Amino acid sequence: MLTAVRSAAAALAVAAGLTVVTAPAATAAPRVLYFSDLDRCRVAQLNYARSGWFIRQGCTADVHVNGKPARWRLMVE
């Protein structure tokens, strides 16, 4: 129901020529993002934080190949 209300409000704002910026819902499920490069993960983390997202877990290596990190995970809400 809340999503429908937000969508309707956004549609009205767009029709009126307004820009709508909404923060993520407080009870949203965590979004998990994967990166093959630590630098890209860190840039994404900074961008999400600047946009008002809560960083549930920062860039964490979750896959290792020959003892070295091969994939990085970022969790945001």
N, C-alpha and C. Protein backbone atom coordinates (compact mmCIF):
# COMPACT_ATOMS: atom_id res chain seq x y z
N MET A 1 0.82 -1.19 0.00
CA MET A 1 0.00 0.00 0.00
C MET A 1 0.87 1.26 0.00
N LEU A 2 1.90 1.24 0.84
CA LEU A 2 2.78 2.40 0.93
C LEU A 2 3.50 2.66 -0.39
N THR A 3 3.87 1.59 -1.09
CA THR A 3 4.54 1.74 -2.38
C THR A 3 3.61 2.38 -3.39
N ALA A 4 2.34 2.00 -3.37
CA ALA A 4 1.38 2.58 -4.30
C ALA A 4 1.19 4.07 -4.03
N VAL A 5 1.18 4.44 -2.76
CA VAL A 5 1.04 5.85 -2.40
C VAL A 5 2.25 6.64 -2.86
N ARG A 6 3.45 6.08 -2.64
CA ARG A 6 4.67 6.75 -3.08
C ARG A 6 4.70 6.89 -4.59
N SER A 7 4.29 5.82 -5.30
CA SER A 7 4.29 5.85 -6.76
C SER A 7 3.32 6.90 -7.28
N ALA A 8 2.15 6.97 -6.66
CA ALA A 8 1.16 7.96 -7.08
C ALA A 8 1.68 9.37 -6.82
N ALA A 9 2.30 9.57 -5.67
CA ALA A 9 2.84 10.90 -5.35
C ALA A 9 3.97 11.26 -6.30
N ALA A 10 4.80 10.29 -6.65
CA ALA A 10 5.89 10.55 -7.58
C ALA A 10 5.35 10.88 -8.96
N ALA A 11 4.31 10.17 -9.39
CA ALA A 11 3.71 10.44 -10.71
C ALA A 11 3.12 11.83 -10.76
N LEU A 12 2.46 12.25 -9.68
CA LEU A 12 1.89 13.61 -9.63
C LEU A 12 2.99 14.66 -9.65
N ALA A 13 4.07 14.39 -8.92
CA ALA A 13 5.17 15.36 -8.87
C ALA A 13 5.84 15.48 -10.23
N VAL A 14 6.01 14.36 -10.92
CA VAL A 14 6.62 14.40 -12.26
C VAL A 14 5.70 15.15 -13.22
N ALA A 15 4.39 14.91 -13.12
CA ALA A 15 3.44 15.61 -13.98
C ALA A 15 3.47 17.11 -13.72
N ALA A 16 3.75 17.50 -12.48
CA ALA A 16 3.79 18.92 -12.13
C ALA A 16 5.16 19.52 -12.42
N GLY A 17 6.10 18.71 -12.87
CA GLY A 17 7.43 19.21 -13.20
C GLY A 17 8.36 19.30 -12.01
N LEU A 18 8.06 18.59 -10.93
CA LEU A 18 8.89 18.62 -9.73
C LEU A 18 9.83 17.42 -9.73
N THR A 19 10.92 17.55 -9.04
CA THR A 19 11.85 16.45 -8.88
C THR A 19 11.60 15.81 -7.52
N VAL A 20 11.45 14.50 -7.54
CA VAL A 20 11.18 13.77 -6.30
C VAL A 20 12.41 12.99 -5.89
N VAL A 21 12.85 13.20 -4.66
CA VAL A 21 13.97 12.45 -4.11
C VAL A 21 13.46 11.81 -2.82
N THR A 22 13.51 10.50 -2.77
CA THR A 22 13.04 9.80 -1.58
C THR A 22 14.17 8.99 -0.98
N ALA A 23 14.19 8.95 0.32
CA ALA A 23 15.16 8.13 1.04
C ALA A 23 14.64 6.70 1.08
N PRO A 24 15.50 5.73 1.19
CA PRO A 24 15.04 4.35 1.28
C PRO A 24 14.21 4.14 2.55
N ALA A 25 13.27 3.22 2.48
CA ALA A 25 12.41 2.94 3.63
C ALA A 25 13.24 2.39 4.78
N ALA A 26 12.86 2.73 6.01
CA ALA A 26 13.62 2.31 7.19
C ALA A 26 13.56 0.80 7.41
N THR A 27 12.49 0.17 6.97
CA THR A 27 12.33 -1.26 7.19
C THR A 27 12.68 -2.08 5.95
N ALA A 28 13.38 -1.49 5.03
CA ALA A 28 13.72 -2.19 3.79
C ALA A 28 14.68 -3.34 4.07
N ALA A 29 14.55 -4.37 3.26
CA ALA A 29 15.48 -5.50 3.36
C ALA A 29 16.84 -5.05 2.83
N PRO A 30 17.90 -5.59 3.38
CA PRO A 30 19.23 -5.19 2.91
C PRO A 30 19.42 -5.52 1.43
N ARG A 31 20.07 -4.62 0.73
CA ARG A 31 20.45 -4.84 -0.66
C ARG A 31 21.90 -5.30 -0.65
N VAL A 32 22.17 -6.41 -1.30
CA VAL A 32 23.52 -6.96 -1.33
C VAL A 32 24.10 -6.75 -2.73
N LEU A 33 25.26 -6.12 -2.78
CA LEU A 33 25.93 -5.82 -4.04
C LEU A 33 27.28 -6.52 -4.04
N TYR A 34 27.70 -7.01 -5.20
CA TYR A 34 28.96 -7.72 -5.33
C TYR A 34 29.87 -7.01 -6.33
N PHE A 35 31.16 -6.97 -6.01
CA PHE A 35 32.15 -6.31 -6.85
C PHE A 35 33.38 -7.20 -6.96
N SER A 36 34.04 -7.13 -8.10
CA SER A 36 35.28 -7.90 -8.28
C SER A 36 36.51 -7.06 -7.94
N ASP A 37 36.29 -5.78 -7.64
CA ASP A 37 37.39 -4.86 -7.35
C ASP A 37 37.09 -4.09 -6.07
N LEU A 38 38.03 -4.06 -5.14
CA LEU A 38 37.82 -3.37 -3.87
C LEU A 38 37.61 -1.88 -4.06
N ASP A 39 38.33 -1.25 -4.98
CA ASP A 39 38.17 0.18 -5.20
C ASP A 39 36.75 0.53 -5.66
N ARG A 40 36.20 -0.26 -6.56
CA ARG A 40 34.82 0.00 -7.02
C ARG A 40 33.83 -0.19 -5.88
N CYS A 41 34.08 -1.16 -5.05
CA CYS A 41 33.21 -1.39 -3.90
C CYS A 41 33.24 -0.19 -2.96
N ARG A 42 34.42 0.33 -2.70
CA ARG A 42 34.56 1.49 -1.81
C ARG A 42 33.89 2.73 -2.38
N VAL A 43 34.01 2.94 -3.68
CA VAL A 43 33.35 4.08 -4.32
C VAL A 43 31.84 3.94 -4.21
N ALA A 44 31.33 2.73 -4.44
CA ALA A 44 29.90 2.49 -4.31
C ALA A 44 29.44 2.73 -2.88
N GLN A 45 30.23 2.29 -1.91
CA GLN A 45 29.89 2.50 -0.51
C GLN A 45 29.79 3.99 -0.19
N LEU A 46 30.74 4.77 -0.66
CA LEU A 46 30.69 6.21 -0.44
C LEU A 46 29.47 6.84 -1.09
N ASN A 47 29.17 6.42 -2.31
CA ASN A 47 28.01 6.98 -3.02
C ASN A 47 26.70 6.64 -2.32
N TYR A 48 26.56 5.39 -1.86
CA TYR A 48 25.35 5.02 -1.13
C TYR A 48 25.24 5.79 0.17
N ALA A 49 26.34 5.94 0.89
CA ALA A 49 26.32 6.68 2.16
C ALA A 49 25.93 8.14 1.92
N ARG A 50 26.48 8.76 0.89
CA ARG A 50 26.14 10.15 0.57
C ARG A 50 24.68 10.32 0.17
N SER A 51 24.09 9.25 -0.37
CA SER A 51 22.69 9.30 -0.80
C SER A 51 21.73 9.01 0.35
N GLY A 52 22.24 8.77 1.53
CA GLY A 52 21.38 8.56 2.69
C GLY A 52 21.08 7.11 3.01
N TRP A 53 21.70 6.18 2.32
CA TRP A 53 21.49 4.77 2.61
C TRP A 53 22.29 4.40 3.86
N PHE A 54 21.76 3.46 4.63
CA PHE A 54 22.46 2.94 5.80
C PHE A 54 23.37 1.80 5.33
N ILE A 55 24.63 1.87 5.69
CA ILE A 55 25.59 0.83 5.32
C ILE A 55 25.52 -0.27 6.38
N ARG A 56 24.88 -1.37 6.03
CA ARG A 56 24.72 -2.49 6.96
C ARG A 56 26.07 -3.19 7.17
N GLN A 57 26.79 -3.42 6.07
CA GLN A 57 28.12 -4.04 6.16
C GLN A 57 28.95 -3.47 5.01
N GLY A 58 30.08 -2.91 5.37
CA GLY A 58 30.97 -2.33 4.37
C GLY A 58 31.59 -3.40 3.48
N CYS A 59 32.48 -2.98 2.63
CA CYS A 59 33.13 -3.89 1.67
C CYS A 59 33.86 -5.01 2.40
N THR A 60 33.39 -6.22 2.19
CA THR A 60 33.93 -7.40 2.86
C THR A 60 34.24 -8.47 1.82
N ALA A 61 35.43 -9.04 1.89
CA ALA A 61 35.79 -10.12 0.97
C ALA A 61 34.98 -11.36 1.35
N ASP A 62 34.23 -11.92 0.39
CA ASP A 62 33.44 -13.11 0.71
C ASP A 62 33.83 -14.33 -0.15
N VAL A 63 34.66 -14.12 -1.16
CA VAL A 63 35.17 -15.24 -1.97
C VAL A 63 36.67 -15.07 -2.10
N HIS A 64 37.38 -16.15 -1.85
CA HIS A 64 38.84 -16.13 -1.95
C HIS A 64 39.30 -17.17 -2.97
N VAL A 65 40.31 -16.80 -3.75
CA VAL A 65 40.93 -17.73 -4.70
C VAL A 65 42.42 -17.74 -4.41
N ASN A 66 42.92 -18.92 -4.12
CA ASN A 66 44.34 -19.08 -3.75
C ASN A 66 44.73 -18.16 -2.59
N GLY A 67 43.82 -18.00 -1.64
CA GLY A 67 44.11 -17.19 -0.46
C GLY A 67 43.98 -15.69 -0.64
N LYS A 68 43.56 -15.25 -1.83
CA LYS A 68 43.42 -13.81 -2.09
C LYS A 68 41.96 -13.48 -2.37
N PRO A 69 41.49 -12.31 -1.92
CA PRO A 69 40.10 -11.93 -2.18
C PRO A 69 39.81 -11.84 -3.67
N ALA A 70 38.68 -12.44 -4.08
CA ALA A 70 38.29 -12.41 -5.49
C ALA A 70 36.96 -11.68 -5.68
N ARG A 71 36.17 -11.54 -4.61
CA ARG A 71 34.88 -10.86 -4.71
C ARG A 71 34.62 -10.11 -3.42
N TRP A 72 34.02 -8.92 -3.56
CA TRP A 72 33.73 -8.06 -2.43
C TRP A 72 32.23 -7.87 -2.32
N ARG A 73 31.71 -7.87 -1.09
CA ARG A 73 30.29 -7.73 -0.83
C ARG A 73 30.03 -6.44 -0.07
N LEU A 74 28.98 -5.73 -0.47
CA LEU A 74 28.52 -4.51 0.19
C LEU A 74 27.05 -4.66 0.50
N MET A 75 26.66 -4.42 1.75
CA MET A 75 25.26 -4.52 2.14
C MET A 75 24.77 -3.15 2.59
N VAL A 76 23.69 -2.69 1.96
CA VAL A 76 23.11 -1.39 2.28
C VAL A 76 21.61 -1.54 2.53
N GLU A 77 21.05 -0.61 3.28
CA GLU A 77 19.58 -0.56 3.50
C GLU A 77 19.12 0.85 3.24
